[in-house]
PDB file of all heavy atoms in Angstrom:
ATOM      1  N   LYS A   1     -31.129  69.174 -40.544  1.00  0.00           N
ATOM      2  CA  LYS A   1     -32.459  69.772 -40.351  1.00  0.00           C
ATOM      3  C   LYS A   1     -33.364  68.894 -39.488  1.00  0.00           C
ATOM      4  O   LYS A   1     -34.555  68.790 -39.722  1.00  0.00           O
ATOM      5  CB  LYS A   1     -33.125  70.060 -41.696  1.00  0.00           C
ATOM      6  CG  LYS A   1     -32.350  71.057 -42.524  1.00  0.00           C
ATOM      7  CD  LYS A   1     -33.030  71.333 -43.828  1.00  0.00           C
ATOM      8  CE  LYS A   1     -32.186  72.319 -44.614  1.00  0.00           C
ATOM      9  NZ  LYS A   1     -32.771  72.672 -45.869  1.00  0.00           N
ATOM     10  N   ASP A   2     -32.771  68.249 -38.494  1.00  0.00           N
ATOM     11  CA  ASP A   2     -33.506  67.372 -37.587  1.00  0.00           C
ATOM     12  C   ASP A   2     -32.702  67.294 -36.294  1.00  0.00           C
ATOM     13  O   ASP A   2     -31.552  66.833 -36.307  1.00  0.00           O
ATOM     14  CB  ASP A   2     -33.673  65.987 -38.220  1.00  0.00           C
ATOM     15  CG  ASP A   2     -34.451  65.024 -37.350  1.00  0.00           C
ATOM     16  OD1 ASP A   2     -34.070  64.846 -36.166  1.00  0.00           O
ATOM     17  OD2 ASP A   2     -35.411  64.430 -37.855  1.00  0.00           O
ATOM     18  N   THR A   3     -33.299  67.703 -35.184  1.00  0.00           N
ATOM     19  CA  THR A   3     -32.549  67.749 -33.927  1.00  0.00           C
ATOM     20  C   THR A   3     -32.145  66.358 -33.444  1.00  0.00           C
ATOM     21  O   THR A   3     -31.064  66.196 -32.879  1.00  0.00           O
ATOM     22  CB  THR A   3     -33.348  68.466 -32.821  1.00  0.00           C
ATOM     23  OG1 THR A   3     -34.600  67.811 -32.652  1.00  0.00           O
ATOM     24  CG2 THR A   3     -33.575  69.927 -33.178  1.00  0.00           C
ATOM     25  N   TYR A   4     -32.996  65.366 -33.655  1.00  0.00           N
ATOM     26  CA  TYR A   4     -32.651  64.015 -33.206  1.00  0.00           C
ATOM     27  C   TYR A   4     -31.504  63.434 -34.026  1.00  0.00           C
ATOM     28  O   TYR A   4     -30.580  62.822 -33.480  1.00  0.00           O
ATOM     29  CB  TYR A   4     -33.877  63.091 -33.274  1.00  0.00           C
ATOM     30  CG  TYR A   4     -34.958  63.526 -32.326  1.00  0.00           C
ATOM     31  CD1 TYR A   4     -36.156  64.038 -32.805  1.00  0.00           C
ATOM     32  CD2 TYR A   4     -34.778  63.447 -30.949  1.00  0.00           C
ATOM     33  CE1 TYR A   4     -37.150  64.450 -31.931  1.00  0.00           C
ATOM     34  CE2 TYR A   4     -35.764  63.862 -30.064  1.00  0.00           C
ATOM     35  CZ  TYR A   4     -36.958  64.362 -30.563  1.00  0.00           C
ATOM     36  OH  TYR A   4     -37.920  64.773 -29.697  1.00  0.00           O
ATOM     37  N   LEU A   5     -31.560  63.648 -35.346  1.00  0.00           N
ATOM     38  CA  LEU A   5     -30.452  63.185 -36.179  1.00  0.00           C
ATOM     39  C   LEU A   5     -29.171  63.946 -35.855  1.00  0.00           C
ATOM     40  O   LEU A   5     -28.078  63.377 -35.881  1.00  0.00           O
ATOM     41  CB  LEU A   5     -30.797  63.339 -37.665  1.00  0.00           C
ATOM     42  CG  LEU A   5     -31.836  62.372 -38.228  1.00  0.00           C
ATOM     43  CD1 LEU A   5     -32.135  62.694 -39.686  1.00  0.00           C
ATOM     44  CD2 LEU A   5     -31.375  60.933 -38.083  1.00  0.00           C
ATOM     45  N   ALA A   6     -29.314  65.235 -35.539  1.00  0.00           N
ATOM     46  CA  ALA A   6     -28.143  66.038 -35.178  1.00  0.00           C
ATOM     47  C   ALA A   6     -27.498  65.490 -33.910  1.00  0.00           C
ATOM     48  O   ALA A   6     -26.272  65.403 -33.820  1.00  0.00           O
ATOM     49  CB  ALA A   6     -28.528  67.497 -34.999  1.00  0.00           C
ATOM     50  N   GLN A   7     -28.308  65.102 -32.943  1.00  0.00           N
ATOM     51  CA  GLN A   7     -27.763  64.526 -31.711  1.00  0.00           C
ATOM     52  C   GLN A   7     -27.035  63.212 -32.015  1.00  0.00           C
ATOM     53  O   GLN A   7     -25.956  62.957 -31.465  1.00  0.00           O
ATOM     54  CB  GLN A   7     -28.886  64.297 -30.696  1.00  0.00           C
ATOM     55  CG  GLN A   7     -29.444  65.587 -30.149  1.00  0.00           C
ATOM     56  CD  GLN A   7     -30.747  65.391 -29.372  1.00  0.00           C
ATOM     57  OE1 GLN A   7     -31.271  64.287 -29.262  1.00  0.00           O
ATOM     58  NE2 GLN A   7     -31.264  66.482 -28.840  1.00  0.00           N
ATOM     59  N   ASP A   8     -27.625  62.402 -32.890  1.00  0.00           N
ATOM     60  CA  ASP A   8     -26.957  61.160 -33.300  1.00  0.00           C
ATOM     61  C   ASP A   8     -25.628  61.454 -33.984  1.00  0.00           C
ATOM     62  O   ASP A   8     -24.622  60.784 -33.734  1.00  0.00           O
ATOM     63  CB  ASP A   8     -27.841  60.351 -34.254  1.00  0.00           C
ATOM     64  CG  ASP A   8     -29.051  59.748 -33.567  1.00  0.00           C
ATOM     65  OD1 ASP A   8     -29.093  59.705 -32.317  1.00  0.00           O
ATOM     66  OD2 ASP A   8     -29.973  59.320 -34.298  1.00  0.00           O
ATOM     67  N   ALA A   9     -25.631  62.458 -34.855  1.00  0.00           N
ATOM     68  CA  ALA A   9     -24.412  62.825 -35.585  1.00  0.00           C
ATOM     69  C   ALA A   9     -23.326  63.301 -34.620  1.00  0.00           C
ATOM     70  O   ALA A   9     -22.151  62.940 -34.778  1.00  0.00           O
ATOM     71  CB  ALA A   9     -24.711  63.900 -36.623  1.00  0.00           C
ATOM     72  N   VAL A  10     -23.709  64.094 -33.638  1.00  0.00           N
ATOM     73  CA  VAL A  10     -22.730  64.581 -32.660  1.00  0.00           C
ATOM     74  C   VAL A  10     -22.135  63.405 -31.894  1.00  0.00           C
ATOM     75  O   VAL A  10     -20.919  63.318 -31.716  1.00  0.00           O
ATOM     76  CB  VAL A  10     -23.379  65.611 -31.703  1.00  0.00           C
ATOM     77  CG1 VAL A  10     -22.474  65.911 -30.524  1.00  0.00           C
ATOM     78  CG2 VAL A  10     -23.724  66.890 -32.452  1.00  0.00           C
ATOM     79  N   GLN A  11     -22.996  62.500 -31.475  1.00  0.00           N
ATOM     80  CA  GLN A  11     -22.523  61.335 -30.750  1.00  0.00           C
ATOM     81  C   GLN A  11     -21.542  60.519 -31.593  1.00  0.00           C
ATOM     82  O   GLN A  11     -20.456  60.162 -31.128  1.00  0.00           O
ATOM     83  CB  GLN A  11     -23.705  60.477 -30.325  1.00  0.00           C
ATOM     84  CG  GLN A  11     -23.315  59.285 -29.482  1.00  0.00           C
ATOM     85  CD  GLN A  11     -24.520  58.483 -29.021  1.00  0.00           C
ATOM     86  OE1 GLN A  11     -25.653  58.762 -29.375  1.00  0.00           O
ATOM     87  NE2 GLN A  11     -24.260  57.467 -28.225  1.00  0.00           N
ATOM     88  N   GLU A  12     -21.910  60.249 -32.846  1.00  0.00           N
ATOM     89  CA  GLU A  12     -21.025  59.493 -33.733  1.00  0.00           C
ATOM     90  C   GLU A  12     -19.713  60.232 -33.986  1.00  0.00           C
ATOM     91  O   GLU A  12     -18.644  59.623 -34.053  1.00  0.00           O
ATOM     92  CB  GLU A  12     -21.729  59.196 -35.057  1.00  0.00           C
ATOM     93  CG  GLU A  12     -22.801  58.145 -34.955  1.00  0.00           C
ATOM     94  CD  GLU A  12     -23.442  57.825 -36.294  1.00  0.00           C
ATOM     95  OE1 GLU A  12     -22.706  57.740 -37.301  1.00  0.00           O
ATOM     96  OE2 GLU A  12     -24.671  57.669 -36.321  1.00  0.00           O
ATOM     97  N   THR A  13     -19.802  61.549 -34.127  1.00  0.00           N
ATOM     98  CA  THR A  13     -18.608  62.362 -34.373  1.00  0.00           C
ATOM     99  C   THR A  13     -17.621  62.231 -33.225  1.00  0.00           C
ATOM    100  O   THR A  13     -16.423  61.994 -33.434  1.00  0.00           O
ATOM    101  CB  THR A  13     -18.996  63.843 -34.576  1.00  0.00           C
ATOM    102  OG1 THR A  13     -19.814  63.944 -35.741  1.00  0.00           O
ATOM    103  CG2 THR A  13     -17.775  64.734 -34.725  1.00  0.00           C
ATOM    104  N   TYR A  14     -18.107  62.380 -32.006  1.00  0.00           N
ATOM    105  CA  TYR A  14     -17.199  62.327 -30.860  1.00  0.00           C
ATOM    106  C   TYR A  14     -16.722  60.907 -30.551  1.00  0.00           C
ATOM    107  O   TYR A  14     -15.591  60.734 -30.072  1.00  0.00           O
ATOM    108  CB  TYR A  14     -17.826  62.997 -29.635  1.00  0.00           C
ATOM    109  CG  TYR A  14     -17.762  64.498 -29.768  1.00  0.00           C
ATOM    110  CD1 TYR A  14     -18.880  65.224 -30.142  1.00  0.00           C
ATOM    111  CD2 TYR A  14     -16.570  65.183 -29.590  1.00  0.00           C
ATOM    112  CE1 TYR A  14     -18.829  66.598 -30.301  1.00  0.00           C
ATOM    113  CE2 TYR A  14     -16.492  66.561 -29.751  1.00  0.00           C
ATOM    114  CZ  TYR A  14     -17.625  67.266 -30.106  1.00  0.00           C
ATOM    115  OH  TYR A  14     -17.558  68.627 -30.278  1.00  0.00           O
ATOM    116  N   ILE A  15     -17.520  59.911 -30.837  1.00  0.00           N
ATOM    117  CA  ILE A  15     -17.050  58.530 -30.677  1.00  0.00           C
ATOM    118  C   ILE A  15     -15.891  58.283 -31.638  1.00  0.00           C
ATOM    119  O   ILE A  15     -14.842  57.742 -31.262  1.00  0.00           O
ATOM    120  CB  ILE A  15     -18.198  57.519 -30.908  1.00  0.00           C
ATOM    121  CG1 ILE A  15     -19.177  57.560 -29.730  1.00  0.00           C
ATOM    122  CG2 ILE A  15     -17.652  56.110 -31.113  1.00  0.00           C
ATOM    123  CD1 ILE A  15     -20.459  56.789 -29.961  1.00  0.00           C
ATOM    124  N   HIS A  16     -16.088  58.705 -32.897  1.00  0.00           N
ATOM    125  CA  HIS A  16     -15.019  58.551 -33.895  1.00  0.00           C
ATOM    126  C   HIS A  16     -13.772  59.334 -33.465  1.00  0.00           C
ATOM    127  O   HIS A  16     -12.639  58.832 -33.575  1.00  0.00           O
ATOM    128  CB  HIS A  16     -15.513  59.027 -35.263  1.00  0.00           C
ATOM    129  CG  HIS A  16     -14.497  58.855 -36.346  1.00  0.00           C
ATOM    130  ND1 HIS A  16     -14.312  57.677 -37.025  1.00  0.00           N
ATOM    131  CD2 HIS A  16     -13.580  59.728 -36.850  1.00  0.00           C
ATOM    132  CE1 HIS A  16     -13.337  57.826 -37.901  1.00  0.00           C
ATOM    133  NE2 HIS A  16     -12.878  59.063 -37.813  1.00  0.00           N
ATOM    134  N   ALA A  17     -13.982  60.548 -32.979  1.00  0.00           N
ATOM    135  CA  ALA A  17     -12.846  61.377 -32.554  1.00  0.00           C
ATOM    136  C   ALA A  17     -12.097  60.725 -31.395  1.00  0.00           C
ATOM    137  O   ALA A  17     -10.861  60.684 -31.394  1.00  0.00           O
ATOM    138  CB  ALA A  17     -13.333  62.765 -32.165  1.00  0.00           C
ATOM    139  N   LEU A  18     -12.818  60.204 -30.425  1.00  0.00           N
ATOM    140  CA  LEU A  18     -12.181  59.563 -29.275  1.00  0.00           C
ATOM    141  C   LEU A  18     -11.375  58.339 -29.705  1.00  0.00           C
ATOM    142  O   LEU A  18     -10.238  58.146 -29.261  1.00  0.00           O
ATOM    143  CB  LEU A  18     -13.239  59.172 -28.236  1.00  0.00           C
ATOM    144  CG  LEU A  18     -12.714  58.505 -26.963  1.00  0.00           C
ATOM    145  CD1 LEU A  18     -11.748  59.421 -26.228  1.00  0.00           C
ATOM    146  CD2 LEU A  18     -13.877  58.120 -26.058  1.00  0.00           C
ATOM    147  N   ARG A  19     -11.949  57.548 -30.585  1.00  0.00           N
ATOM    148  CA  ARG A  19     -11.263  56.337 -31.044  1.00  0.00           C
ATOM    149  C   ARG A  19     -10.012  56.646 -31.867  1.00  0.00           C
ATOM    150  O   ARG A  19      -9.096  55.842 -31.950  1.00  0.00           O
ATOM    151  CB  ARG A  19     -12.201  55.484 -31.883  1.00  0.00           C
ATOM    152  CG  ARG A  19     -13.255  54.793 -31.065  1.00  0.00           C
ATOM    153  CD  ARG A  19     -14.135  53.934 -31.929  1.00  0.00           C
ATOM    154  NE  ARG A  19     -15.144  53.267 -31.123  1.00  0.00           N
ATOM    155  CZ  ARG A  19     -16.281  52.820 -31.586  1.00  0.00           C
ATOM    156  NH1 ARG A  19     -16.588  52.946 -32.871  1.00  0.00           N
ATOM    157  NH2 ARG A  19     -17.142  52.227 -30.787  1.00  0.00           N
ATOM    158  N   ASN A  20     -10.012  57.797 -32.524  1.00  0.00           N
ATOM    159  CA  ASN A  20      -8.929  58.105 -33.461  1.00  0.00           C
ATOM    160  C   ASN A  20      -8.070  59.295 -33.057  1.00  0.00           C
ATOM    161  O   ASN A  20      -7.297  59.798 -33.869  1.00  0.00           O
ATOM    162  CB  ASN A  20      -9.524  58.339 -34.851  1.00  0.00           C
ATOM    163  CG  ASN A  20     -10.155  57.087 -35.403  1.00  0.00           C
ATOM    164  OD1 ASN A  20      -9.460  56.164 -35.794  1.00  0.00           O
ATOM    165  ND2 ASN A  20     -11.478  57.026 -35.400  1.00  0.00           N
ATOM    166  N   ILE A  21      -8.186  59.752 -31.828  1.00  0.00           N
ATOM    167  CA  ILE A  21      -7.470  60.959 -31.387  1.00  0.00           C
ATOM    168  C   ILE A  21      -5.955  60.823 -31.556  1.00  0.00           C
ATOM    169  O   ILE A  21      -5.271  61.797 -31.848  1.00  0.00           O
ATOM    170  CB  ILE A  21      -7.838  61.324 -29.929  1.00  0.00           C
ATOM    171  CG1 ILE A  21      -7.329  62.720 -29.552  1.00  0.00           C
ATOM    172  CG2 ILE A  21      -7.299  60.309 -28.935  1.00  0.00           C
ATOM    173  CD1 ILE A  21      -8.266  63.810 -29.894  1.00  0.00           C
ATOM    174  N   ARG A  22      -5.452  59.617 -31.439  1.00  0.00           N
ATOM    175  CA  ARG A  22      -3.994  59.416 -31.566  1.00  0.00           C
ATOM    176  C   ARG A  22      -3.495  59.585 -33.003  1.00  0.00           C
ATOM    177  O   ARG A  22      -2.304  59.676 -33.229  1.00  0.00           O
ATOM    178  CB  ARG A  22      -3.616  58.035 -31.031  1.00  0.00           C
ATOM    179  CG  ARG A  22      -3.714  57.971 -29.520  1.00  0.00           C
ATOM    180  CD  ARG A  22      -3.204  56.642 -28.964  1.00  0.00           C
ATOM    181  NE  ARG A  22      -3.199  56.678 -27.522  1.00  0.00           N
ATOM    182  CZ  ARG A  22      -4.204  56.270 -26.765  1.00  0.00           C
ATOM    183  NH1 ARG A  22      -5.295  55.787 -27.318  1.00  0.00           N
ATOM    184  NH2 ARG A  22      -4.122  56.336 -25.445  1.00  0.00           N
ATOM    185  N   LYS A  23      -4.410  59.619 -33.956  1.00  0.00           N
ATOM    186  CA  LYS A  23      -4.031  59.739 -35.366  1.00  0.00           C
ATOM    187  C   LYS A  23      -3.774  61.184 -35.792  1.00  0.00           C
ATOM    188  O   LYS A  23      -3.329  61.425 -36.910  1.00  0.00           O
ATOM    189  CB  LYS A  23      -5.104  59.131 -36.262  1.00  0.00           C
ATOM    190  CG  LYS A  23      -5.223  57.634 -36.099  1.00  0.00           C
ATOM    191  CD  LYS A  23      -6.271  57.053 -37.010  1.00  0.00           C
ATOM    192  CE  LYS A  23      -6.396  55.547 -36.819  1.00  0.00           C
ATOM    193  NZ  LYS A  23      -7.437  54.979 -37.675  1.00  0.00           N
ATOM    194  N   ILE A  24      -4.071  62.144 -34.927  1.00  0.00           N
ATOM    195  CA  ILE A  24      -3.845  63.561 -35.285  1.00  0.00           C
ATOM    196  C   ILE A  24      -2.352  63.844 -35.190  1.00  0.00           C
ATOM    197  O   ILE A  24      -1.756  63.746 -34.125  1.00  0.00           O
ATOM    198  CB  ILE A  24      -4.606  64.518 -34.344  1.00  0.00           C
ATOM    199  CG1 ILE A  24      -6.098  64.256 -34.395  1.00  0.00           C
ATOM    200  CG2 ILE A  24      -4.298  65.968 -34.710  1.00  0.00           C
ATOM    201  CD1 ILE A  24      -6.886  65.089 -33.409  1.00  0.00           C
ATOM    202  N   ASN A  25      -1.767  64.208 -36.328  1.00  0.00           N
ATOM    203  CA  ASN A  25      -0.334  64.522 -36.351  1.00  0.00           C
ATOM    204  C   ASN A  25      -0.054  65.918 -35.806  1.00  0.00           C
ATOM    205  O   ASN A  25       0.951  66.143 -35.147  1.00  0.00           O
ATOM    206  CB  ASN A  25       0.228  64.408 -37.765  1.00  0.00           C
ATOM    207  CG  ASN A  25       0.202  62.967 -38.257  1.00  0.00           C
ATOM    208  OD1 ASN A  25       0.354  62.038 -37.481  1.00  0.00           O
ATOM    209  ND2 ASN A  25      -0.019  62.790 -39.546  1.00  0.00           N
ATOM    210  N   ASP A  26      -0.914  66.876 -36.110  1.00  0.00           N
ATOM    211  CA  ASP A  26      -0.743  68.243 -35.639  1.00  0.00           C
ATOM    212  C   ASP A  26      -1.917  68.574 -34.720  1.00  0.00           C
ATOM    213  O   ASP A  26      -3.006  68.909 -35.192  1.00  0.00           O
ATOM    214  CB  ASP A  26      -0.697  69.220 -36.816  1.00  0.00           C
ATOM    215  CG  ASP A  26      -0.403  70.646 -36.390  1.00  0.00           C
ATOM    216  OD1 ASP A  26      -0.443  70.954 -35.175  1.00  0.00           O
ATOM    217  OD2 ASP A  26      -0.140  71.473 -37.287  1.00  0.00           O
ATOM    218  N   PRO A  27      -1.721  68.460 -33.403  1.00  0.00           N
ATOM    219  CA  PRO A  27      -2.818  68.666 -32.451  1.00  0.00           C
ATOM    220  C   PRO A  27      -3.502  70.031 -32.555  1.00  0.00           C
ATOM    221  O   PRO A  27      -4.664  70.160 -32.202  1.00  0.00           O
ATOM    222  CB  PRO A  27      -2.140  68.507 -31.088  1.00  0.00           C
ATOM    223  CG  PRO A  27      -0.966  67.632 -31.354  1.00  0.00           C
ATOM    224  CD  PRO A  27      -0.494  68.036 -32.727  1.00  0.00           C
ATOM    225  N   SER A  28      -2.804  71.039 -33.067  1.00  0.00           N
ATOM    226  CA  SER A  28      -3.427  72.362 -33.179  1.00  0.00           C
ATOM    227  C   SER A  28      -4.500  72.387 -34.269  1.00  0.00           C
ATOM    228  O   SER A  28      -5.267  73.339 -34.360  1.00  0.00           O
ATOM    229  CB  SER A  28      -2.366  73.430 -33.451  1.00  0.00           C
ATOM    230  OG  SER A  28      -1.789  73.242 -34.731  1.00  0.00           O
ATOM    231  N   LEU A  29      -4.585  71.333 -35.087  1.00  0.00           N
ATOM    232  CA  LEU A  29      -5.592  71.261 -36.151  1.00  0.00           C
ATOM    233  C   LEU A  29      -6.819  70.447 -35.733  1.00  0.00           C
ATOM    234  O   LEU A  29      -7.605  70.027 -36.574  1.00  0.00           O
ATOM    235  CB  LEU A  29      -4.970  70.658 -37.413  1.00  0.00           C
ATOM    236  CG  LEU A  29      -3.846  71.454 -38.047  1.00  0.00           C
ATOM    237  CD1 LEU A  29      -3.274  70.725 -39.257  1.00  0.00           C
ATOM    238  CD2 LEU A  29      -4.318  72.845 -38.441  1.00  0.00           C
ATOM    239  N   PHE A  30      -7.005  70.263 -34.439  1.00  0.00           N
ATOM    240  CA  PHE A  30      -8.136  69.478 -33.934  1.00  0.00           C
ATOM    241  C   PHE A  30      -9.473  70.013 -34.438  1.00  0.00           C
ATOM    242  O   PHE A  30     -10.349  69.233 -34.821  1.00  0.00           O
ATOM    243  CB  PHE A  30      -8.129  69.467 -32.397  1.00  0.00           C
ATOM    244  CG  PHE A  30      -9.314  68.749 -31.808  1.00  0.00           C
ATOM    245  CD1 PHE A  30      -9.325  67.359 -31.733  1.00  0.00           C
ATOM    246  CD2 PHE A  30     -10.413  69.439 -31.345  1.00  0.00           C
ATOM    247  CE1 PHE A  30     -10.411  66.679 -31.203  1.00  0.00           C
ATOM    248  CE2 PHE A  30     -11.515  68.774 -30.817  1.00  0.00           C
ATOM    249  CZ  PHE A  30     -11.512  67.384 -30.738  1.00  0.00           C
ATOM    250  N   ILE A  31      -9.663  71.321 -34.461  1.00  0.00           N
ATOM    251  CA  ILE A  31     -10.946  71.902 -34.878  1.00  0.00           C
ATOM    252  C   ILE A  31     -11.255  71.524 -36.320  1.00  0.00           C
ATOM    253  O   ILE A  31     -12.371  71.084 -36.631  1.00  0.00           O
ATOM    254  CB  ILE A  31     -10.948  73.450 -34.710  1.00  0.00           C
ATOM    255  CG1 ILE A  31     -10.703  73.833 -33.245  1.00  0.00           C
ATOM    256  CG2 ILE A  31     -12.236  74.056 -35.226  1.00  0.00           C
ATOM    257  CD1 ILE A  31     -11.734  73.309 -32.270  1.00  0.00           C
ATOM    258  N   ALA A  32     -10.294  71.666 -37.209  1.00  0.00           N
ATOM    259  CA  ALA A  32     -10.506  71.284 -38.605  1.00  0.00           C
ATOM    260  C   ALA A  32     -10.800  69.789 -38.713  1.00  0.00           C
ATOM    261  O   ALA A  32     -11.665  69.362 -39.480  1.00  0.00           O
ATOM    262  CB  ALA A  32      -9.293  71.651 -39.453  1.00  0.00           C
TER     263      ALA A  32
END
């Protein structure tokens, strides 16, 4: 319920995803 915090959350989410992309065993489950 805060656009600035939401932007921070998105940034943290994608940083985490980029750092850990190799850990996905089933690539088709990326969305989940």
